[in-house]
Amino acid sequence: MRGKRTIAAMRLRLLVPAMLVVVATAADACRFAQDAPPAQWFEWSNALFAADVTGIELEGQKSLDVISVRVTETFKGPEAAAAATLRVPSRMWSSCYLERPAVGTHVLVALNPNGDTLVVPLTQGYGERLRQLRSKQQPASPAAPAQPASAAPQTGEKPFHY
């Protein structure tokens, strides 16, 4: 009997830290989605674009929202995409206090190399800040050195509203 308790206690000791890592990772993504300045979106993502939501469905078996978007502007990544289908965990909206986009919403979509997807409503002013940063990050001619991304003006505007 004592051996079973020891094994159960050991499993619990291994499970708790693993659960904390998952919770901490989700919390970091939430904080990032809420407070990231434009330069951090460029650093975090390998694809960053503005889009209009054209459809949203629930994939019930996996608790995912399947969001269809029409790409309107690419800030980072391949230019050829005209549309995209995104799979976002349904729990992200409530756990991160983010607005689940409705059809017609203009959004910022960020995809990172780990397969993580963030979708937040995009304001006109924040889109302009992303455009300015994109132009600064494009390769400069040899006569004009590139300005670092951290030199972008920092204002309190967020990419979305609650």
C-alpha atoms as a PDB file:
ATOM      1  CA  MET A   1       0.000   0.000   0.000  1.00  0.00           C
ATOM      2  CA  ARG A   2       2.815   2.345   0.841  1.00  0.00           C
ATOM      3  CA  GLY A   3       4.368   1.864  -2.623  1.00  0.00           C
ATOM      4  CA  LYS A   4       1.161   3.029  -4.334  1.00  0.00           C
ATOM      5  CA  ARG A   5       1.055   6.193  -2.197  1.00  0.00           C
ATOM      6  CA  THR A   6       4.672   6.948  -3.002  1.00  0.00           C
ATOM      7  CA  ILE A   7       4.064   6.545  -6.745  1.00  0.00           C
ATOM      8  CA  ALA A   8       0.923   8.692  -6.568  1.00  0.00           C
ATOM      9  CA  ALA A   9       2.777  11.392  -4.629  1.00  0.00           C
ATOM     10  CA  MET A  10       5.648  11.298  -7.107  1.00  0.00           C
ATOM     11  CA  ARG A  11       3.249  11.642 -10.062  1.00  0.00           C
ATOM     12  CA  LEU A  12       1.577  14.587  -8.365  1.00  0.00           C
ATOM     13  CA  ARG A  13       4.963  16.247  -7.761  1.00  0.00           C
ATOM     14  CA  LEU A  14       5.780  15.865 -11.466  1.00  0.00           C
ATOM     15  CA  LEU A  15       2.349  16.963 -12.685  1.00  0.00           C
ATOM     16  CA  VAL A  16       2.097  20.192 -10.677  1.00  0.00           C
ATOM     17  CA  PRO A  17       5.250  21.826 -12.133  1.00  0.00           C
ATOM     18  CA  ALA A  18       4.173  20.825 -15.652  1.00  0.00           C
ATOM     19  CA  MET A  19       0.762  22.428 -15.098  1.00  0.00           C
ATOM     20  CA  LEU A  20       2.411  25.583 -13.757  1.00  0.00           C
ATOM     21  CA  VAL A  21       4.527  25.858 -16.919  1.00  0.00           C
ATOM     22  CA  VAL A  22       1.410  25.603 -19.091  1.00  0.00           C
ATOM     23  CA  VAL A  23      -0.423  28.223 -17.013  1.00  0.00           C
ATOM     24  CA  ALA A  24       2.594  30.552 -16.988  1.00  0.00           C
ATOM     25  CA  THR A  25       3.003  30.228 -20.768  1.00  0.00           C
ATOM     26  CA  ALA A  26      -0.660  31.085 -21.305  1.00  0.00           C
ATOM     27  CA  ALA A  27      -0.364  34.048 -18.934  1.00  0.00           C
ATOM     28  CA  ASP A  28       2.668  35.348 -20.839  1.00  0.00           C
ATOM     29  CA  ALA A  29       0.777  35.125 -24.142  1.00  0.00           C
ATOM     30  CA  CYS A  30      -2.155  36.996 -22.592  1.00  0.00           C
ATOM     31  CA  ARG A  31       0.060  39.771 -21.238  1.00  0.00           C
ATOM     32  CA  PHE A  32       1.825  39.989 -24.563  1.00  0.00           C
ATOM     33  CA  ALA A  33      -1.438  40.273 -26.522  1.00  0.00           C
ATOM     34  CA  GLN A  34      -2.680  43.030 -24.244  1.00  0.00           C
ATOM     35  CA  ASP A  35       0.411  45.183 -23.779  1.00  0.00           C
ATOM     36  CA  ALA A  36       2.927  44.608 -26.578  1.00  0.00           C
ATOM     37  CA  PRO A  37       4.292  47.645 -28.411  1.00  0.00           C
ATOM     38  CA  PRO A  38       4.673  47.269 -32.205  1.00  0.00           C
ATOM     39  CA  ALA A  39       8.369  46.328 -32.045  1.00  0.00           C
ATOM     40  CA  GLN A  40       7.562  43.302 -29.859  1.00  0.00           C
ATOM     41  CA  TRP A  41       4.956  42.052 -32.356  1.00  0.00           C
ATOM     42  CA  PHE A  42       7.705  42.063 -35.004  1.00  0.00           C
ATOM     43  CA  GLU A  43      10.117  40.230 -32.693  1.00  0.00           C
ATOM     44  CA  TRP A  44       7.576  37.602 -31.549  1.00  0.00           C
ATOM     45  CA  SER A  45       6.112  36.740 -34.938  1.00  0.00           C
ATOM     46  CA  ASN A  46       7.338  35.278 -38.182  1.00  0.00           C
ATOM     47  CA  ALA A  47       4.100  36.391 -39.913  1.00  0.00           C
ATOM     48  CA  LEU A  48       2.247  39.569 -38.981  1.00  0.00           C
ATOM     49  CA  PHE A  49      -0.657  40.942 -40.973  1.00  0.00           C
ATOM     50  CA  ALA A  50      -3.856  42.967 -40.918  1.00  0.00           C
ATOM     51  CA  ALA A  51      -7.021  41.186 -42.006  1.00  0.00           C
ATOM     52  CA  ASP A  52     -10.801  41.320 -42.055  1.00  0.00           C
ATOM     53  CA  VAL A  53     -12.647  38.421 -40.413  1.00  0.00           C
ATOM     54  CA  THR A  54     -14.818  36.671 -43.018  1.00  0.00           C
ATOM     55  CA  GLY A  55     -16.004  33.728 -40.941  1.00  0.00           C
ATOM     56  CA  ILE A  56     -15.765  32.094 -37.546  1.00  0.00           C
ATOM     57  CA  GLU A  57     -16.778  28.565 -36.544  1.00  0.00           C
ATOM     58  CA  LEU A  58     -16.319  26.383 -33.484  1.00  0.00           C
ATOM     59  CA  GLU A  59     -14.438  23.118 -33.950  1.00  0.00           C
ATOM     60  CA  GLY A  60     -16.074  21.415 -30.982  1.00  0.00           C
ATOM     61  CA  GLN A  61     -13.934  18.290 -30.636  1.00  0.00           C
ATOM     62  CA  LYS A  62     -10.793  20.323 -30.044  1.00  0.00           C
ATOM     63  CA  SER A  63     -12.373  23.480 -28.503  1.00  0.00           C
ATOM     64  CA  LEU A  64     -10.936  25.640 -31.258  1.00  0.00           C
ATOM     65  CA  ASP A  65     -12.309  28.666 -33.041  1.00  0.00           C
ATOM     66  CA  VAL A  66     -11.643  28.403 -36.762  1.00  0.00           C
ATOM     67  CA  ILE A  67     -11.346  31.976 -38.019  1.00  0.00           C
ATOM     68  CA  SER A  68     -11.283  32.773 -41.730  1.00  0.00           C
ATOM     69  CA  VAL A  69      -9.705  36.089 -42.699  1.00  0.00           C
ATOM     70  CA  ARG A  70      -9.032  38.115 -45.831  1.00  0.00           C
ATOM     71  CA  VAL A  71      -5.536  39.596 -45.608  1.00  0.00           C
ATOM     72  CA  THR A  72      -5.512  43.344 -46.252  1.00  0.00           C
ATOM     73  CA  GLU A  73      -1.881  44.196 -45.432  1.00  0.00           C
ATOM     74  CA  THR A  74       1.277  42.263 -44.599  1.00  0.00           C
ATOM     75  CA  PHE A  75       3.636  43.757 -42.028  1.00  0.00           C
ATOM     76  CA  LYS A  76       5.992  40.773 -41.841  1.00  0.00           C
ATOM     77  CA  GLY A  77       6.175  37.476 -43.696  1.00  0.00           C
ATOM     78  CA  PRO A  78       5.155  36.292 -47.144  1.00  0.00           C
ATOM     79  CA  GLU A  79       3.282  38.855 -49.254  1.00  0.00           C
ATOM     80  CA  ALA A  80       1.391  36.355 -51.436  1.00  0.00           C
ATOM     81  CA  ALA A  81      -1.330  35.366 -48.948  1.00  0.00           C
ATOM     82  CA  ALA A  82      -4.776  36.746 -49.773  1.00  0.00           C
ATOM     83  CA  ALA A  83      -6.647  34.691 -47.186  1.00  0.00           C
ATOM     84  CA  ALA A  84      -5.894  32.564 -44.139  1.00  0.00           C
ATOM     85  CA  THR A  85      -7.636  30.110 -41.857  1.00  0.00           C
ATOM     86  CA  LEU A  86      -6.603  30.345 -38.220  1.00  0.00           C
ATOM     87  CA  ARG A  87      -7.201  27.888 -35.386  1.00  0.00           C
ATOM     88  CA  VAL A  88      -7.288  29.571 -31.998  1.00  0.00           C
ATOM     89  CA  PRO A  89      -8.085  27.869 -28.663  1.00  0.00           C
ATOM     90  CA  SER A  90     -11.598  28.975 -27.670  1.00  0.00           C
ATOM     91  CA  ARG A  91     -10.550  29.497 -24.046  1.00  0.00           C
ATOM     92  CA  MET A  92      -8.075  32.227 -25.059  1.00  0.00           C
ATOM     93  CA  TRP A  93     -10.765  34.894 -25.354  1.00  0.00           C
ATOM     94  CA  SER A  94     -12.059  34.596 -21.798  1.00  0.00           C
ATOM     95  CA  SER A  95      -8.786  33.689 -20.091  1.00  0.00           C
ATOM     96  CA  CYS A  96      -6.936  36.618 -21.721  1.00  0.00           C
ATOM     97  CA  TYR A  97      -9.854  39.064 -21.532  1.00  0.00           C
ATOM     98  CA  LEU A  98      -9.688  39.474 -25.294  1.00  0.00           C
ATOM     99  CA  GLU A  99     -12.591  40.196 -27.581  1.00  0.00           C
ATOM    100  CA  ARG A 100     -13.560  37.249 -29.770  1.00  0.00           C
ATOM    101  CA  PRO A 101     -13.655  38.807 -33.237  1.00  0.00           C
ATOM    102  CA  ALA A 102     -16.934  38.953 -35.127  1.00  0.00           C
ATOM    103  CA  VAL A 103     -17.334  38.717 -38.890  1.00  0.00           C
ATOM    104  CA  GLY A 104     -16.286  42.057 -40.372  1.00  0.00           C
ATOM    105  CA  THR A 105     -13.823  42.951 -37.584  1.00  0.00           C
ATOM    106  CA  HIS A 106     -10.460  44.346 -38.711  1.00  0.00           C
ATOM    107  CA  VAL A 107      -7.765  42.379 -36.827  1.00  0.00           C
ATOM    108  CA  LEU A 108      -4.046  42.044 -36.313  1.00  0.00           C
ATOM    109  CA  VAL A 109      -2.911  38.444 -36.790  1.00  0.00           C
ATOM    110  CA  ALA A 110       0.443  37.231 -35.493  1.00  0.00           C
ATOM    111  CA  LEU A 111       1.873  33.758 -36.040  1.00  0.00           C
ATOM    112  CA  ASN A 112       5.094  32.669 -34.383  1.00  0.00           C
ATOM    113  CA  PRO A 113       7.501  29.813 -35.236  1.00  0.00           C
ATOM    114  CA  ASN A 114       6.039  27.670 -32.409  1.00  0.00           C
ATOM    115  CA  GLY A 115       2.646  27.588 -34.115  1.00  0.00           C
ATOM    116  CA  ASP A 116       1.042  30.054 -31.694  1.00  0.00           C
ATOM    117  CA  THR A 117      -1.583  32.413 -33.120  1.00  0.00           C
ATOM    118  CA  LEU A 118      -2.752  35.709 -31.662  1.00  0.00           C
ATOM    119  CA  VAL A 119      -5.704  37.625 -33.094  1.00  0.00           C
ATOM    120  CA  VAL A 120      -6.662  41.043 -31.720  1.00  0.00           C
ATOM    121  CA  PRO A 121      -8.827  43.843 -33.114  1.00  0.00           C
ATOM    122  CA  LEU A 122      -6.618  46.368 -34.925  1.00  0.00           C
ATOM    123  CA  THR A 123      -7.111  50.116 -34.575  1.00  0.00           C
ATOM    124  CA  GLN A 124      -6.230  52.521 -37.373  1.00  0.00           C
ATOM    125  CA  GLY A 125      -3.595  54.303 -35.268  1.00  0.00           C
ATOM    126  CA  TYR A 126      -1.861  51.091 -34.212  1.00  0.00           C
ATOM    127  CA  GLY A 127      -1.826  49.932 -37.832  1.00  0.00           C
ATOM    128  CA  GLU A 128      -0.020  53.147 -38.755  1.00  0.00           C
ATOM    129  CA  ARG A 129       2.592  52.525 -36.049  1.00  0.00           C
ATOM    130  CA  LEU A 130       3.157  49.022 -37.468  1.00  0.00           C
ATOM    131  CA  ARG A 131       3.574  50.505 -40.988  1.00  0.00           C
ATOM    132  CA  GLN A 132       6.152  52.979 -39.721  1.00  0.00           C
ATOM    133  CA  LEU A 133       8.085  50.258 -37.961  1.00  0.00           C
ATOM    134  CA  ARG A 134       7.913  47.982 -41.024  1.00  0.00           C
ATOM    135  CA  SER A 135       9.449  50.687 -43.208  1.00  0.00           C
ATOM    136  CA  LYS A 136      12.252  51.174 -40.670  1.00  0.00           C
ATOM    137  CA  GLN A 137      12.977  47.430 -40.629  1.00  0.00           C
ATOM    138  CA  GLN A 138      13.247  47.080 -44.401  1.00  0.00           C
ATOM    139  CA  PRO A 139      16.844  46.851 -45.613  1.00  0.00           C
ATOM    140  CA  ALA A 140      18.306  50.322 -45.985  1.00  0.00           C
ATOM    141  CA  SER A 141      20.511  51.475 -48.806  1.00  0.00           C
ATOM    142  CA  PRO A 142      24.247  51.522 -48.021  1.00  0.00           C
ATOM    143  CA  ALA A 143      24.170  55.322 -47.679  1.00  0.00           C
ATOM    144  CA  ALA A 144      21.484  55.275 -44.959  1.00  0.00           C
ATOM    145  CA  PRO A 145      21.963  52.969 -41.944  1.00  0.00           C
ATOM    146  CA  ALA A 146      18.853  51.255 -40.633  1.00  0.00           C
ATOM    147  CA  GLN A 147      17.291  52.624 -37.468  1.00  0.00           C
ATOM    148  CA  PRO A 148      16.752  50.006 -34.718  1.00  0.00           C
ATOM    149  CA  ALA A 149      13.173  48.912 -34.015  1.00  0.00           C
ATOM    150  CA  SER A 150      13.456  50.063 -30.410  1.00  0.00           C
ATOM    151  CA  ALA A 151      13.727  53.663 -31.651  1.00  0.00           C
ATOM    152  CA  ALA A 152      10.018  53.694 -32.551  1.00  0.00           C
ATOM    153  CA  PRO A 153       8.040  56.284 -30.598  1.00  0.00           C
ATOM    154  CA  GLN A 154       6.282  54.757 -27.631  1.00  0.00           C
ATOM    155  CA  THR A 155       2.717  55.861 -27.046  1.00  0.00           C
ATOM    156  CA  GLY A 156       0.148  54.247 -24.831  1.00  0.00           C
ATOM    157  CA  GLU A 157      -2.050  53.096 -27.735  1.00  0.00           C
ATOM    158  CA  LYS A 158      -2.777  49.395 -27.837  1.00  0.00           C
ATOM    159  CA  PRO A 159      -3.640  47.474 -31.023  1.00  0.00           C
ATOM    160  CA  PHE A 160      -7.189  46.894 -29.811  1.00  0.00           C
ATOM    161  CA  HIS A 161      -9.863  48.100 -27.469  1.00  0.00           C
ATOM    162  CA  TYR A 162     -11.846  46.231 -24.801  1.00  0.00           C
END
